Amino acid sequence: MRPPERLLILGGTGEAAALAAALDPYHAVVVSLAGRTRRPAAMAGELRRGGFGGAIGLARYLAAAEIAAVVDATHPFAARISASAAAACRAAGIPLLRLERPEWTPKPGDRWRLVADAPAAARALPRLGRRAFLTTGRQTIGAFAAVGGVWFLVRLVEAPDTPLDLPPHTLVIDRGPFAPAGEVALMRRHRIDVLVTKASGGAATAAKLIAARALRLPVLMIRRPLAAGAESVATVAAAEAWVRARLG
């Protein structure tokens, strides 16, 4: 009997971990992580950490590892690796699927202001509040370094290696899922008057939006980058069906 064909999952999300767990008993699953998180959660399949070196490096890896199909289940804001995956799979003739959770949508009572990116959020922030809850992730914090007159509560999954380049702030290290009551208590304790976040979607961190609605706080919402053009599904079940249709 021939060995199972190899599937590459570009991971870093809960959806990637769930898909790997569903498929690992039946397929040779390789999960690739960017390596930004020092202690990633345990997951099924063979784990690979670190970048590929752009689209060319990824194409070389696909050939060397004899990958038969790729599922890009990276974070909705990981635009660079998604673009590399699209280019590499197109060049290699390998099927590619994008697994991307649906965006959050505003509910009655929400006070969202949509902006294009982190620099745009930084420019708009002083007009909306003076005590900001910043939940945009470590990669975008530098965009807020020059913001004046605003104190920040910053939440990260892991402690940074160096001090944050930010105006006065308090750092909280925590990992979701979060509950609305806890988010309300956190915002009240720090007298937050504006929430800054990304349109990431998903249930694990949606509680902050429920809390902002309950407290009638404005939300600076950073839009998602444009998709890389791959075929896309929104659920793990749909991605599992796509893989089974191609790899058996």
C-alpha atoms as a PDB file:
ATOM      1  CA  MET A   1       0.000   0.000   0.000  1.00  0.00           C
ATOM      2  CA  ARG A   2       1.395   3.396  -0.963  1.00  0.00           C
ATOM      3  CA  PRO A   3       1.995   5.961   1.815  1.00  0.00           C
ATOM      4  CA  PRO A   4      -0.659   8.684   2.277  1.00  0.00           C
ATOM      5  CA  GLU A   5      -0.202  11.912   0.366  1.00  0.00           C
ATOM      6  CA  ARG A   6       1.183  14.778   2.399  1.00  0.00           C
ATOM      7  CA  LEU A   7      -0.897  17.804   3.333  1.00  0.00           C
ATOM      8  CA  LEU A   8       0.633  21.099   4.465  1.00  0.00           C
ATOM      9  CA  ILE A   9      -1.450  23.225   6.832  1.00  0.00           C
ATOM     10  CA  LEU A  10      -0.167  26.764   7.290  1.00  0.00           C
ATOM     11  CA  GLY A  11      -1.244  27.254  10.881  1.00  0.00           C
ATOM     12  CA  GLY A  12      -1.231  29.524  13.879  1.00  0.00           C
ATOM     13  CA  THR A  13      -4.991  29.582  14.473  1.00  0.00           C
ATOM     14  CA  GLY A  14      -7.476  27.458  16.354  1.00  0.00           C
ATOM     15  CA  GLU A  15      -9.004  26.462  13.038  1.00  0.00           C
ATOM     16  CA  ALA A  16      -5.644  25.089  11.847  1.00  0.00           C
ATOM     17  CA  ALA A  17      -5.259  23.008  15.007  1.00  0.00           C
ATOM     18  CA  ALA A  18      -8.808  21.645  14.707  1.00  0.00           C
ATOM     19  CA  LEU A  19      -8.291  20.730  11.048  1.00  0.00           C
ATOM     20  CA  ALA A  20      -5.005  18.959  11.821  1.00  0.00           C
ATOM     21  CA  ALA A  21      -6.691  16.948  14.581  1.00  0.00           C
ATOM     22  CA  ALA A  22      -9.517  15.922  12.238  1.00  0.00           C
ATOM     23  CA  LEU A  23      -7.231  14.863   9.391  1.00  0.00           C
ATOM     24  CA  ASP A  24      -4.140  13.457  11.110  1.00  0.00           C
ATOM     25  CA  PRO A  25      -5.551   9.939  11.621  1.00  0.00           C
ATOM     26  CA  TYR A  26      -6.063   9.591   7.850  1.00  0.00           C
ATOM     27  CA  HIS A  27      -3.424  11.762   6.149  1.00  0.00           C
ATOM     28  CA  ALA A  28       0.225  12.719   6.519  1.00  0.00           C
ATOM     29  CA  VAL A  29      -0.332  16.185   7.976  1.00  0.00           C
ATOM     30  CA  VAL A  30       2.424  18.775   8.341  1.00  0.00           C
ATOM     31  CA  VAL A  31       1.515  21.905  10.326  1.00  0.00           C
ATOM     32  CA  SER A  32       3.737  24.938   9.759  1.00  0.00           C
ATOM     33  CA  LEU A  33       3.947  27.736  12.334  1.00  0.00           C
ATOM     34  CA  ALA A  34       5.690  31.061  11.825  1.00  0.00           C
ATOM     35  CA  GLY A  35       7.494  30.653  15.153  1.00  0.00           C
ATOM     36  CA  ARG A  36       6.437  33.960  16.734  1.00  0.00           C
ATOM     37  CA  THR A  37       4.829  32.180  19.702  1.00  0.00           C
ATOM     38  CA  ARG A  38       7.442  30.511  21.892  1.00  0.00           C
ATOM     39  CA  ARG A  39       5.034  27.999  23.453  1.00  0.00           C
ATOM     40  CA  PRO A  40       2.383  27.064  20.898  1.00  0.00           C
ATOM     41  CA  ALA A  41      -0.447  24.827  21.966  1.00  0.00           C
ATOM     42  CA  ALA A  42       0.020  21.106  21.293  1.00  0.00           C
ATOM     43  CA  MET A  43      -1.459  19.923  18.014  1.00  0.00           C
ATOM     44  CA  ALA A  44      -1.724  16.849  15.823  1.00  0.00           C
ATOM     45  CA  GLY A  45       0.554  16.117  12.893  1.00  0.00           C
ATOM     46  CA  GLU A  46       4.201  16.828  12.143  1.00  0.00           C
ATOM     47  CA  LEU A  47       5.176  20.301  13.341  1.00  0.00           C
ATOM     48  CA  ARG A  48       7.375  22.668  11.343  1.00  0.00           C
ATOM     49  CA  ARG A  49       8.424  26.061  12.739  1.00  0.00           C
ATOM     50  CA  GLY A  50       9.867  29.110  11.011  1.00  0.00           C
ATOM     51  CA  GLY A  51       9.470  30.911   7.701  1.00  0.00           C
ATOM     52  CA  PHE A  52      10.032  29.540   4.216  1.00  0.00           C
ATOM     53  CA  GLY A  53      11.830  32.483   2.626  1.00  0.00           C
ATOM     54  CA  GLY A  54       8.943  33.862   0.589  1.00  0.00           C
ATOM     55  CA  ALA A  55       7.115  32.273  -2.320  1.00  0.00           C
ATOM     56  CA  ILE A  56      10.285  30.849  -3.871  1.00  0.00           C
ATOM     57  CA  GLY A  57      11.355  29.177  -0.639  1.00  0.00           C
ATOM     58  CA  LEU A  58       7.871  27.796  -0.082  1.00  0.00           C
ATOM     59  CA  ALA A  59       7.759  26.393  -3.630  1.00  0.00           C
ATOM     60  CA  ARG A  60      11.061  24.626  -2.981  1.00  0.00           C
ATOM     61  CA  TYR A  61       9.745  23.182   0.254  1.00  0.00           C
ATOM     62  CA  LEU A  62       6.565  21.921  -1.427  1.00  0.00           C
ATOM     63  CA  ALA A  63       8.649  20.028  -3.967  1.00  0.00           C
ATOM     64  CA  ALA A  64      11.208  18.676  -1.505  1.00  0.00           C
ATOM     65  CA  ALA A  65       8.558  17.535   1.006  1.00  0.00           C
ATOM     66  CA  GLU A  66       6.325  16.086  -1.738  1.00  0.00           C
ATOM     67  CA  ILE A  67       3.314  18.082  -0.589  1.00  0.00           C
ATOM     68  CA  ALA A  68       0.132  17.189  -2.489  1.00  0.00           C
ATOM     69  CA  ALA A  69      -2.151  19.978  -1.225  1.00  0.00           C
ATOM     70  CA  VAL A  70      -1.992  23.065   0.991  1.00  0.00           C
ATOM     71  CA  VAL A  71      -4.518  24.601   3.370  1.00  0.00           C
ATOM     72  CA  ASP A  72      -3.722  28.164   4.369  1.00  0.00           C
ATOM     73  CA  ALA A  73      -5.295  28.465   7.817  1.00  0.00           C
ATOM     74  CA  THR A  74      -3.156  31.364   9.021  1.00  0.00           C
ATOM     75  CA  HIS A  75      -4.510  34.421  10.817  1.00  0.00           C
ATOM     76  CA  PRO A  76      -6.720  36.681   8.677  1.00  0.00           C
ATOM     77  CA  PHE A  77      -4.049  39.400   8.952  1.00  0.00           C
ATOM     78  CA  ALA A  78      -1.120  37.172   7.907  1.00  0.00           C
ATOM     79  CA  ALA A  79      -1.228  38.631   4.397  1.00  0.00           C
ATOM     80  CA  ARG A  80       2.409  37.969   3.522  1.00  0.00           C
ATOM     81  CA  ILE A  81       2.379  34.196   3.997  1.00  0.00           C
ATOM     82  CA  SER A  82      -1.021  33.954   2.283  1.00  0.00           C
ATOM     83  CA  ALA A  83       0.346  35.769  -0.771  1.00  0.00           C
ATOM     84  CA  SER A  84       3.430  33.511  -0.769  1.00  0.00           C
ATOM     85  CA  ALA A  85       1.242  30.418  -0.541  1.00  0.00           C
ATOM     86  CA  ALA A  86      -0.889  31.535  -3.475  1.00  0.00           C
ATOM     87  CA  ALA A  87       2.162  32.232  -5.639  1.00  0.00           C
ATOM     88  CA  ALA A  88       4.016  29.043  -4.669  1.00  0.00           C
ATOM     89  CA  CYS A  89       1.043  26.732  -5.192  1.00  0.00           C
ATOM     90  CA  ARG A  90       0.195  28.370  -8.505  1.00  0.00           C
ATOM     91  CA  ALA A  91       3.775  27.875  -9.722  1.00  0.00           C
ATOM     92  CA  ALA A  92       3.894  24.266  -8.526  1.00  0.00           C
ATOM     93  CA  GLY A  93       0.413  23.316  -9.716  1.00  0.00           C
ATOM     94  CA  ILE A  94      -0.603  22.270  -6.195  1.00  0.00           C
ATOM     95  CA  PRO A  95      -4.197  22.814  -4.997  1.00  0.00           C
ATOM     96  CA  LEU A  96      -4.560  25.511  -2.348  1.00  0.00           C
ATOM     97  CA  LEU A  97      -7.463  26.251  -0.022  1.00  0.00           C
ATOM     98  CA  ARG A  98      -7.832  29.273   2.240  1.00  0.00           C
ATOM     99  CA  LEU A  99      -9.563  28.489   5.556  1.00  0.00           C
ATOM    100  CA  GLU A 100     -10.601  31.847   7.016  1.00  0.00           C
ATOM    101  CA  ARG A 101     -13.072  32.384   9.812  1.00  0.00           C
ATOM    102  CA  PRO A 102     -15.909  34.855   9.113  1.00  0.00           C
ATOM    103  CA  GLU A 103     -15.434  38.476  10.115  1.00  0.00           C
ATOM    104  CA  TRP A 104     -17.282  39.955  13.057  1.00  0.00           C
ATOM    105  CA  THR A 105     -20.287  42.044  12.097  1.00  0.00           C
ATOM    106  CA  PRO A 106     -21.593  45.015  14.093  1.00  0.00           C
ATOM    107  CA  LYS A 107     -24.647  44.506  16.280  1.00  0.00           C
ATOM    108  CA  PRO A 108     -27.222  47.070  17.458  1.00  0.00           C
ATOM    109  CA  GLY A 109     -25.538  49.364  19.962  1.00  0.00           C
ATOM    110  CA  ASP A 110     -22.038  48.935  18.530  1.00  0.00           C
ATOM    111  CA  ARG A 111     -20.014  52.093  17.880  1.00  0.00           C
ATOM    112  CA  TRP A 112     -17.453  50.868  15.381  1.00  0.00           C
ATOM    113  CA  ARG A 113     -15.152  53.027  13.301  1.00  0.00           C
ATOM    114  CA  LEU A 114     -13.527  51.044  10.493  1.00  0.00           C
ATOM    115  CA  VAL A 115      -9.977  51.989   9.448  1.00  0.00           C
ATOM    116  CA  ALA A 116      -7.638  50.570   6.815  1.00  0.00           C
ATOM    117  CA  ASP A 117      -4.647  49.674   8.971  1.00  0.00           C
ATOM    118  CA  ALA A 118      -2.814  50.265  12.258  1.00  0.00           C
ATOM    119  CA  PRO A 119      -1.323  53.663  11.255  1.00  0.00           C
ATOM    120  CA  ALA A 120      -4.828  54.881  10.389  1.00  0.00           C
ATOM    121  CA  ALA A 121      -6.053  53.645  13.767  1.00  0.00           C
ATOM    122  CA  ALA A 122      -3.219  55.514  15.497  1.00  0.00           C
ATOM    123  CA  ARG A 123      -4.165  58.748  13.730  1.00  0.00           C
ATOM    124  CA  ALA A 124      -7.837  58.421  14.651  1.00  0.00           C
ATOM    125  CA  LEU A 125      -7.350  57.253  18.241  1.00  0.00           C
ATOM    126  CA  PRO A 126      -6.809  60.592  20.084  1.00  0.00           C
ATOM    127  CA  ARG A 127     -10.166  61.860  18.806  1.00  0.00           C
ATOM    128  CA  LEU A 128     -12.016  58.902  20.323  1.00  0.00           C
ATOM    129  CA  GLY A 129     -10.522  58.392  23.769  1.00  0.00           C
ATOM    130  CA  ARG A 130      -7.693  58.830  26.248  1.00  0.00           C
ATOM    131  CA  ARG A 131      -7.484  55.341  27.779  1.00  0.00           C
ATOM    132  CA  ALA A 132      -7.255  52.699  25.064  1.00  0.00           C
ATOM    133  CA  PHE A 133      -7.472  48.905  25.259  1.00  0.00           C
ATOM    134  CA  LEU A 134      -5.054  47.823  22.496  1.00  0.00           C
ATOM    135  CA  THR A 135      -5.582  44.241  21.262  1.00  0.00           C
ATOM    136  CA  THR A 136      -4.039  44.379  17.781  1.00  0.00           C
ATOM    137  CA  GLY A 137      -1.086  42.078  18.494  1.00  0.00           C
ATOM    138  CA  ARG A 138       2.646  42.556  18.883  1.00  0.00           C
ATOM    139  CA  GLN A 139       3.382  43.177  15.196  1.00  0.00           C
ATOM    140  CA  THR A 140       1.370  46.416  15.026  1.00  0.00           C
ATOM    141  CA  ILE A 141       2.231  48.041  18.360  1.00  0.00           C
ATOM    142  CA  GLY A 142       4.930  50.227  16.791  1.00  0.00           C
ATOM    143  CA  ALA A 143       2.275  52.108  14.828  1.00  0.00           C
ATOM    144  CA  PHE A 144       1.041  53.626  18.121  1.00  0.00           C
ATOM    145  CA  ALA A 145       4.451  54.688  19.464  1.00  0.00           C
ATOM    146  CA  ALA A 146       4.016  58.361  18.552  1.00  0.00           C
ATOM    147  CA  VAL A 147       0.419  58.725  19.757  1.00  0.00           C
ATOM    148  CA  GLY A 148       0.228  61.525  22.308  1.00  0.00           C
ATOM    149  CA  GLY A 149      -2.212  62.015  25.154  1.00  0.00           C
ATOM    150  CA  VAL A 150      -3.347  58.376  25.283  1.00  0.00           C
ATOM    151  CA  TRP A 151      -2.664  55.724  27.931  1.00  0.00           C
ATOM    152  CA  PHE A 152      -2.697  52.101  26.733  1.00  0.00           C
ATOM    153  CA  LEU A 153      -3.750  48.799  28.217  1.00  0.00           C
ATOM    154  CA  VAL A 154      -1.998  46.245  25.976  1.00  0.00           C
ATOM    155  CA  ARG A 155      -2.906  42.561  25.948  1.00  0.00           C
ATOM    156  CA  LEU A 156      -0.523  40.013  24.422  1.00  0.00           C
ATOM    157  CA  VAL A 157      -0.406  36.218  24.395  1.00  0.00           C
ATOM    158  CA  GLU A 158       3.262  36.189  25.483  1.00  0.00           C
ATOM    159  CA  ALA A 159       5.558  38.693  27.148  1.00  0.00           C
ATOM    160  CA  PRO A 160       7.757  40.539  24.625  1.00  0.00           C
ATOM    161  CA  ASP A 161      11.521  40.100  24.675  1.00  0.00           C
ATOM    162  CA  THR A 162      12.063  43.873  24.965  1.00  0.00           C
ATOM    163  CA  PRO A 163       9.998  46.713  26.500  1.00  0.00           C
ATOM    164  CA  LEU A 164       7.184  47.993  24.335  1.00  0.00           C
ATOM    165  CA  ASP A 165       7.874  51.205  22.433  1.00  0.00           C
ATOM    166  CA  LEU A 166       4.697  52.889  23.577  1.00  0.00           C
ATOM    167  CA  PRO A 167       3.503  55.921  25.547  1.00  0.00           C
ATOM    168  CA  PRO A 168       2.494  55.198  29.156  1.00  0.00           C
ATOM    169  CA  HIS A 169       0.921  51.739  29.261  1.00  0.00           C
ATOM    170  CA  THR A 170       0.173  48.614  31.263  1.00  0.00           C
ATOM    171  CA  LEU A 171       0.859  45.182  29.787  1.00  0.00           C
ATOM    172  CA  VAL A 172      -1.421  42.187  30.386  1.00  0.00           C
ATOM    173  CA  ILE A 173      -0.353  38.681  29.336  1.00  0.00           C
ATOM    174  CA  ASP A 174      -3.330  36.411  28.702  1.00  0.00           C
ATOM    175  CA  ARG A 175      -4.683  33.949  26.157  1.00  0.00           C
ATOM    176  CA  GLY A 176      -8.320  33.489  25.120  1.00  0.00           C
ATOM    177  CA  PRO A 177     -11.004  32.408  25.083  1.00  0.00           C
ATOM    178  CA  PHE A 178     -12.304  35.318  27.141  1.00  0.00           C
ATOM    179  CA  ALA A 179     -15.699  35.826  28.795  1.00  0.00           C
ATOM    180  CA  PRO A 180     -17.769  39.027  28.471  1.00  0.00           C
ATOM    181  CA  ALA A 181     -18.012  39.521  32.238  1.00  0.00           C
ATOM    182  CA  GLY A 182     -14.240  39.343  32.590  1.00  0.00           C
ATOM    183  CA  GLU A 183     -13.737  41.794  29.738  1.00  0.00           C
ATOM    184  CA  VAL A 184     -16.211  44.259  31.256  1.00  0.00           C
ATOM    185  CA  ALA A 185     -14.427  44.019  34.611  1.00  0.00           C
ATOM    186  CA  LEU A 186     -11.030  44.547  32.975  1.00  0.00           C
ATOM    187  CA  MET A 187     -12.181  47.620  31.063  1.00  0.00           C
ATOM    188  CA  ARG A 188     -13.857  49.129  34.103  1.00  0.00           C
ATOM    189  CA  ARG A 189     -10.832  48.485  36.313  1.00  0.00           C
ATOM    190  CA  HIS A 190      -8.571  50.365  33.893  1.00  0.00           C
ATOM    191  CA  ARG A 191     -11.182  53.021  33.025  1.00  0.00           C
ATOM    192  CA  ILE A 192     -10.985  52.185  29.319  1.00  0.00           C
ATOM    193  CA  ASP A 193     -12.845  54.588  27.031  1.00  0.00           C
ATOM    194  CA  VAL A 194     -11.936  53.141  23.594  1.00  0.00           C
ATOM    195  CA  LEU A 195     -11.151  49.658  22.236  1.00  0.00           C
ATOM    196  CA  VAL A 196      -8.651  49.178  19.392  1.00  0.00           C
ATOM    197  CA  THR A 197      -8.727  45.814  17.642  1.00  0.00           C
ATOM    198  CA  LYS A 198      -8.544  43.955  14.328  1.00  0.00           C
ATOM    199  CA  ALA A 199     -11.416  42.411  12.369  1.00  0.00           C
ATOM    200  CA  SER A 200     -10.060  38.964  13.210  1.00  0.00           C
ATOM    201  CA  GLY A 201     -13.341  37.161  13.763  1.00  0.00           C
ATOM    202  CA  GLY A 202     -13.765  34.040  15.863  1.00  0.00           C
ATOM    203  CA  ALA A 203     -15.365  33.284  19.207  1.00  0.00           C
ATOM    204  CA  ALA A 204     -12.222  33.201  21.362  1.00  0.00           C
ATOM    205  CA  THR A 205     -11.771  36.979  21.505  1.00  0.00           C
ATOM    206  CA  ALA A 206     -15.248  38.266  20.601  1.00  0.00           C
ATOM    207  CA  ALA A 207     -16.072  38.956  24.272  1.00  0.00           C
ATOM    208  CA  LYS A 208     -14.229  42.300  24.153  1.00  0.00           C
ATOM    209  CA  LEU A 209     -16.740  43.506  21.546  1.00  0.00           C
ATOM    210  CA  ILE A 210     -19.655  42.416  23.733  1.00  0.00           C
ATOM    211  CA  ALA A 211     -18.060  44.269  26.647  1.00  0.00           C
ATOM    212  CA  ALA A 212     -17.492  47.427  24.587  1.00  0.00           C
ATOM    213  CA  ARG A 213     -21.143  47.325  23.498  1.00  0.00           C
ATOM    214  CA  ALA A 214     -22.312  46.910  27.097  1.00  0.00           C
ATOM    215  CA  LEU A 215     -20.140  49.833  28.227  1.00  0.00           C
ATOM    216  CA  ARG A 216     -21.089  51.929  25.156  1.00  0.00           C
ATOM    217  CA  LEU A 217     -17.455  52.374  24.165  1.00  0.00           C
ATOM    218  CA  PRO A 218     -16.243  53.271  20.668  1.00  0.00           C
ATOM    219  CA  VAL A 219     -14.307  50.570  18.816  1.00  0.00           C
ATOM    220  CA  LEU A 220     -11.530  51.280  16.312  1.00  0.00           C
ATOM    221  CA  MET A 221     -11.738  48.263  14.025  1.00  0.00           C
ATOM    222  CA  ILE A 222      -8.872  47.589  11.608  1.00  0.00           C
ATOM    223  CA  ARG A 223     -10.134  46.057   8.360  1.00  0.00           C
ATOM    224  CA  ARG A 224      -8.762  42.783   7.047  1.00  0.00           C
ATOM    225  CA  PRO A 225      -6.224  42.908   4.223  1.00  0.00           C
ATOM    226  CA  LEU A 226      -7.372  41.853   0.776  1.00  0.00           C
ATOM    227  CA  ALA A 227      -7.492  38.094   0.240  1.00  0.00           C
ATOM    228  CA  ALA A 228      -4.762  36.459  -1.843  1.00  0.00           C
ATOM    229  CA  GLY A 229      -7.223  35.017  -4.363  1.00  0.00           C
ATOM    230  CA  ALA A 230      -7.292  31.332  -3.368  1.00  0.00           C
ATOM    231  CA  GLU A 231     -10.446  29.241  -3.138  1.00  0.00           C
ATOM    232  CA  SER A 232     -11.828  29.910   0.337  1.00  0.00           C
ATOM    233  CA  VAL A 233     -14.049  28.278   2.962  1.00  0.00           C
ATOM    234  CA  ALA A 234     -15.149  29.530   6.368  1.00  0.00           C
ATOM    235  CA  THR A 235     -15.369  26.343   8.466  1.00  0.00           C
ATOM    236  CA  VAL A 236     -13.136  23.465   9.495  1.00  0.00           C
ATOM    237  CA  ALA A 237     -15.750  20.984   8.266  1.00  0.00           C
ATOM    238  CA  ALA A 238     -15.707  22.506   4.786  1.00  0.00           C
ATOM    239  CA  ALA A 239     -11.907  22.430   4.717  1.00  0.00           C
ATOM    240  CA  GLU A 240     -11.905  18.783   5.817  1.00  0.00           C
ATOM    241  CA  ALA A 241     -14.302  17.903   2.987  1.00  0.00           C
ATOM    242  CA  TRP A 242     -12.076  19.762   0.477  1.00  0.00           C
ATOM    243  CA  VAL A 243      -9.008  17.783   1.594  1.00  0.00           C
ATOM    244  CA  ARG A 244     -10.815  14.454   1.465  1.00  0.00           C
ATOM    245  CA  ALA A 245     -12.062  15.200  -2.057  1.00  0.00           C
ATOM    246  CA  ARG A 246      -8.479  15.751  -3.230  1.00  0.00           C
ATOM    247  CA  LEU A 247      -6.460  13.301  -1.162  1.00  0.00           C
ATOM    248  CA  GLY A 248      -8.998  10.556  -0.623  1.00  0.00           C
END
